[in-house]
N, C-alpha and C. Protein backbone atom coordinates (compact mmCIF):
# COMPACT_ATOMS: atom_id res chain seq x y z
N UNK A 1 7.18 -24.13 -16.84
CA UNK A 1 6.56 -23.00 -16.42
C UNK A 1 7.44 -21.67 -16.33
N UNK A 2 6.99 -20.59 -16.68
CA UNK A 2 7.88 -19.51 -16.63
C UNK A 2 7.87 -18.79 -15.25
N UNK A 3 6.96 -19.13 -14.43
CA UNK A 3 6.71 -18.30 -13.22
C UNK A 3 7.59 -19.09 -11.91
N UNK A 4 8.32 -20.16 -12.17
CA UNK A 4 8.93 -20.73 -11.21
C UNK A 4 10.49 -20.23 -10.98
N UNK A 5 10.82 -20.04 -9.63
CA UNK A 5 11.94 -19.42 -9.36
C UNK A 5 12.81 -20.30 -8.54
N UNK A 6 14.26 -20.31 -8.76
CA UNK A 6 15.10 -21.18 -7.97
C UNK A 6 15.95 -20.37 -7.23
N UNK A 7 16.37 -20.75 -6.02
CA UNK A 7 17.40 -20.08 -5.19
C UNK A 7 18.72 -20.85 -5.07
N UNK A 8 19.80 -20.08 -4.92
CA UNK A 8 20.96 -20.63 -4.75
C UNK A 8 21.75 -20.06 -3.65
N UNK A 9 22.11 -20.83 -2.79
CA UNK A 9 23.04 -20.45 -1.66
C UNK A 9 24.12 -21.48 -1.41
N UNK A 10 25.27 -20.80 -1.43
CA UNK A 10 26.53 -21.66 -1.22
C UNK A 10 26.53 -22.77 -2.24
N UNK A 11 26.35 -22.44 -3.55
CA UNK A 11 26.26 -23.46 -4.53
C UNK A 11 25.40 -24.60 -4.40
N UNK A 12 24.36 -24.42 -3.56
CA UNK A 12 23.33 -25.45 -3.54
C UNK A 12 22.06 -24.76 -4.01
N UNK A 13 21.18 -25.55 -4.99
CA UNK A 13 20.07 -24.94 -5.50
C UNK A 13 18.90 -25.43 -4.96
N UNK A 14 17.96 -24.66 -4.52
CA UNK A 14 16.74 -24.80 -4.04
C UNK A 14 15.58 -24.53 -4.94
N UNK A 15 14.39 -25.16 -4.85
CA UNK A 15 13.31 -24.72 -5.56
C UNK A 15 12.60 -25.88 -6.40
N UNK A 16 11.82 -25.51 -7.06
CA UNK A 16 11.36 -24.52 -7.59
C UNK A 16 10.15 -23.71 -6.65
N UNK A 17 10.05 -22.47 -6.76
CA UNK A 17 9.22 -21.72 -5.93
C UNK A 17 8.28 -20.77 -6.78
N UNK A 18 7.21 -20.40 -6.35
CA UNK A 18 6.44 -19.23 -7.09
C UNK A 18 6.89 -17.90 -6.66
N UNK A 19 6.54 -16.98 -7.47
CA UNK A 19 6.92 -15.64 -7.01
C UNK A 19 6.46 -15.16 -5.69
N UNK A 20 5.25 -15.71 -5.46
CA UNK A 20 4.42 -15.30 -4.06
C UNK A 20 5.31 -15.90 -2.93
N UNK A 21 5.75 -17.20 -3.33
CA UNK A 21 6.68 -17.98 -2.16
C UNK A 21 7.71 -17.14 -1.98
N UNK A 22 8.57 -16.85 -3.04
CA UNK A 22 9.72 -15.98 -2.89
C UNK A 22 9.61 -14.67 -2.11
N UNK A 23 8.44 -14.00 -2.45
CA UNK A 23 8.12 -12.55 -1.66
C UNK A 23 7.81 -13.01 -0.26
N UNK A 24 7.26 -14.03 0.07
CA UNK A 24 7.14 -14.35 1.47
C UNK A 24 8.46 -14.68 2.20
N UNK A 25 9.28 -15.58 1.51
CA UNK A 25 10.54 -15.96 1.99
C UNK A 25 11.42 -14.67 2.31
N UNK A 26 11.33 -13.77 1.38
CA UNK A 26 11.85 -12.38 1.55
C UNK A 26 11.46 -11.67 2.85
N UNK A 27 10.15 -11.67 2.95
CA UNK A 27 9.41 -10.98 4.03
C UNK A 27 9.81 -11.56 5.44
N UNK A 28 10.05 -12.85 5.51
CA UNK A 28 10.40 -13.63 6.56
C UNK A 28 11.84 -13.68 6.97
N UNK A 29 12.86 -13.18 6.04
CA UNK A 29 14.12 -13.14 6.17
C UNK A 29 14.89 -14.29 5.85
N UNK A 30 14.11 -15.13 5.09
CA UNK A 30 14.94 -16.42 4.66
C UNK A 30 15.73 -16.32 3.51
N UNK A 31 15.42 -15.49 2.62
CA UNK A 31 16.39 -15.19 1.62
C UNK A 31 17.37 -14.25 2.00
N UNK A 32 18.67 -14.25 2.05
CA UNK A 32 19.74 -13.42 2.40
C UNK A 32 20.31 -12.57 1.11
N UNK A 33 21.06 -11.54 1.45
CA UNK A 33 21.56 -10.80 0.32
C UNK A 33 22.59 -11.45 -0.50
N UNK A 34 23.38 -12.41 0.05
CA UNK A 34 24.29 -13.22 -0.79
C UNK A 34 23.76 -14.30 -1.68
N UNK A 35 22.44 -14.52 -1.49
CA UNK A 35 21.67 -15.48 -2.34
C UNK A 35 21.60 -15.22 -3.86
N UNK A 36 21.46 -16.13 -4.71
CA UNK A 36 21.17 -15.66 -6.11
C UNK A 36 19.82 -16.44 -6.48
N UNK A 37 19.28 -15.89 -7.42
CA UNK A 37 17.84 -16.48 -7.84
C UNK A 37 17.87 -16.30 -9.55
N UNK A 38 17.14 -17.36 -10.00
CA UNK A 38 17.00 -17.50 -11.34
C UNK A 38 15.50 -17.98 -11.70
N UNK A 39 15.12 -17.60 -12.87
CA UNK A 39 13.77 -18.11 -13.32
C UNK A 39 13.98 -19.23 -14.03
N UNK A 40 12.95 -20.09 -14.02
CA UNK A 40 13.03 -21.43 -14.61
C UNK A 40 13.24 -21.37 -16.16
N UNK A 41 14.02 -22.27 -16.60
CA UNK A 41 14.31 -22.17 -18.07
C UNK A 41 15.32 -21.13 -18.53
N UNK A 42 15.93 -20.31 -17.43
CA UNK A 42 16.93 -19.27 -17.84
C UNK A 42 18.20 -19.69 -17.03
N UNK A 43 19.25 -19.40 -17.76
CA UNK A 43 20.57 -19.79 -17.09
C UNK A 43 21.34 -18.65 -16.37
N UNK A 44 20.69 -17.42 -16.42
CA UNK A 44 21.31 -16.44 -15.72
C UNK A 44 20.95 -16.26 -14.22
N UNK A 45 21.89 -16.37 -13.35
CA UNK A 45 21.62 -16.20 -11.97
C UNK A 45 21.83 -14.63 -11.61
N UNK A 46 20.83 -14.16 -10.87
CA UNK A 46 20.71 -12.56 -10.38
C UNK A 46 21.09 -12.60 -8.81
N UNK A 47 21.69 -11.67 -8.47
CA UNK A 47 21.77 -11.44 -6.91
C UNK A 47 20.46 -11.21 -6.44
N UNK A 48 20.35 -11.64 -5.21
CA UNK A 48 18.92 -11.58 -4.55
C UNK A 48 18.29 -10.13 -4.43
N UNK A 49 19.12 -9.06 -4.04
CA UNK A 49 18.49 -7.89 -3.92
C UNK A 49 17.99 -7.26 -5.16
N UNK A 50 18.75 -7.37 -6.22
CA UNK A 50 18.32 -6.79 -7.60
C UNK A 50 17.03 -7.71 -8.30
N UNK A 51 17.06 -9.08 -7.80
CA UNK A 51 15.98 -9.77 -8.41
C UNK A 51 14.74 -9.65 -7.42
N UNK A 52 14.95 -9.21 -6.24
CA UNK A 52 13.71 -9.18 -5.36
C UNK A 52 13.01 -7.78 -5.62
N UNK A 53 13.99 -6.76 -5.90
CA UNK A 53 13.51 -5.26 -6.31
C UNK A 53 12.72 -5.40 -7.62
N UNK A 54 12.84 -6.49 -8.40
CA UNK A 54 12.15 -6.52 -9.85
C UNK A 54 10.73 -7.19 -9.62
N UNK A 55 10.60 -7.87 -8.50
CA UNK A 55 9.27 -8.70 -8.20
C UNK A 55 8.11 -7.79 -8.11
N UNK A 56 7.05 -8.17 -8.67
CA UNK A 56 5.86 -7.21 -8.44
C UNK A 56 5.44 -7.19 -6.90
N UNK A 57 5.03 -6.01 -6.52
CA UNK A 57 4.69 -5.86 -5.13
C UNK A 57 3.22 -6.37 -4.75
N UNK A 58 3.06 -7.13 -3.76
CA UNK A 58 1.65 -7.64 -3.36
C UNK A 58 0.74 -6.42 -3.08
N UNK A 59 -0.51 -6.63 -3.36
CA UNK A 59 -1.42 -5.55 -2.94
C UNK A 59 -1.33 -5.21 -1.51
N UNK A 60 -1.64 -3.92 -1.02
CA UNK A 60 -1.53 -3.53 0.37
C UNK A 60 -2.96 -3.77 0.91
N UNK A 61 -3.15 -4.40 1.93
CA UNK A 61 -4.61 -4.52 2.48
C UNK A 61 -4.79 -3.36 3.42
N UNK A 62 -6.15 -2.78 3.19
CA UNK A 62 -6.44 -1.61 3.89
C UNK A 62 -6.49 -2.00 5.63
N UNK A 63 -6.01 -0.98 6.38
CA UNK A 63 -6.09 -1.24 7.73
C UNK A 63 -7.54 -1.50 8.44
N UNK A 64 -8.41 -0.68 7.69
CA UNK A 64 -9.89 -0.93 8.12
C UNK A 64 -10.21 -2.41 7.94
N UNK A 65 -9.87 -2.92 6.89
CA UNK A 65 -10.18 -4.43 6.62
C UNK A 65 -9.65 -5.39 7.59
N UNK A 66 -8.41 -5.10 8.06
CA UNK A 66 -7.70 -5.96 9.12
C UNK A 66 -8.55 -5.79 10.48
N UNK A 67 -8.82 -4.44 10.84
CA UNK A 67 -9.53 -4.17 12.02
C UNK A 67 -10.89 -4.98 11.99
N UNK A 68 -11.59 -4.95 10.80
CA UNK A 68 -12.78 -5.64 10.81
C UNK A 68 -12.78 -7.16 10.92
N UNK A 69 -11.79 -7.61 10.23
CA UNK A 69 -11.41 -9.16 10.41
C UNK A 69 -11.12 -9.47 11.67
N UNK A 70 -10.26 -8.71 12.52
CA UNK A 70 -10.03 -9.04 13.98
C UNK A 70 -11.21 -9.10 14.83
N UNK A 71 -12.19 -7.98 14.56
CA UNK A 71 -13.36 -7.85 15.32
C UNK A 71 -14.39 -9.07 15.19
N UNK A 72 -14.32 -9.49 13.85
CA UNK A 72 -15.16 -10.63 13.51
C UNK A 72 -14.74 -11.90 14.17
N UNK A 73 -13.34 -12.21 14.00
CA UNK A 73 -12.75 -13.28 14.76
C UNK A 73 -13.02 -13.20 16.22
N UNK A 74 -12.94 -12.18 16.83
CA UNK A 74 -13.04 -12.11 18.29
C UNK A 74 -14.57 -12.49 18.60
N UNK A 75 -15.51 -11.90 17.79
CA UNK A 75 -16.92 -12.18 18.03
C UNK A 75 -17.28 -13.47 17.97
N UNK A 76 -16.60 -14.28 17.00
CA UNK A 76 -16.87 -15.61 16.53
C UNK A 76 -16.45 -16.52 17.69
N UNK A 77 -15.32 -16.24 18.32
CA UNK A 77 -14.75 -17.15 19.46
C UNK A 77 -14.53 -16.34 20.65
N UNK A 78 -15.55 -16.11 21.51
CA UNK A 78 -15.28 -15.38 22.71
C UNK A 78 -14.24 -16.00 23.75
N UNK A 79 -13.61 -15.20 24.26
CA UNK A 79 -12.56 -15.70 25.31
C UNK A 79 -13.21 -16.27 26.52
N UNK A 80 -12.67 -17.49 26.88
CA UNK A 80 -13.24 -18.18 28.07
C UNK A 80 -12.93 -17.30 29.28
N UNK A 81 -14.07 -17.23 30.21
CA UNK A 81 -13.89 -16.41 31.49
C UNK A 81 -13.00 -17.24 32.52
N UNK A 82 -12.14 -16.54 33.38
CA UNK A 82 -11.49 -17.23 34.21
C UNK A 82 -12.38 -17.52 35.44
N UNK A 83 -12.35 -18.67 36.14
CA UNK A 83 -13.21 -18.88 37.32
C UNK A 83 -13.06 -17.86 38.30
N UNK A 84 -14.08 -17.48 39.04
CA UNK A 84 -14.10 -16.55 40.25
C UNK A 84 -13.20 -16.90 41.38
N UNK A 85 -12.44 -16.18 41.94
CA UNK A 85 -11.66 -16.57 43.27
C UNK A 85 -12.58 -16.53 44.35
N UNK A 86 -12.32 -17.52 45.27
CA UNK A 86 -13.02 -17.74 46.49
C UNK A 86 -12.44 -16.78 47.50
N UNK A 87 -13.17 -16.04 48.31
CA UNK A 87 -12.42 -15.27 49.22
C UNK A 87 -12.45 -15.92 50.74
């Protein structure tokens, strides 16, 4: 498979991962600037910043869609009410 990507850190190779997983690792700070990445069946390792810059960007979700999803989730599972305090 051409879309699999390997990560090398301190001469230890990890993988194979999909481009989506690599993008998620980058977003979460798992991939460091000193790491190297390569595509499956290629022998050339690339510095992480250059490799990540060449990855396709994921589509941006509209803020309105996120708000609607939050609202629907709240409506589906209403919060439990705290018991009333006795005076």
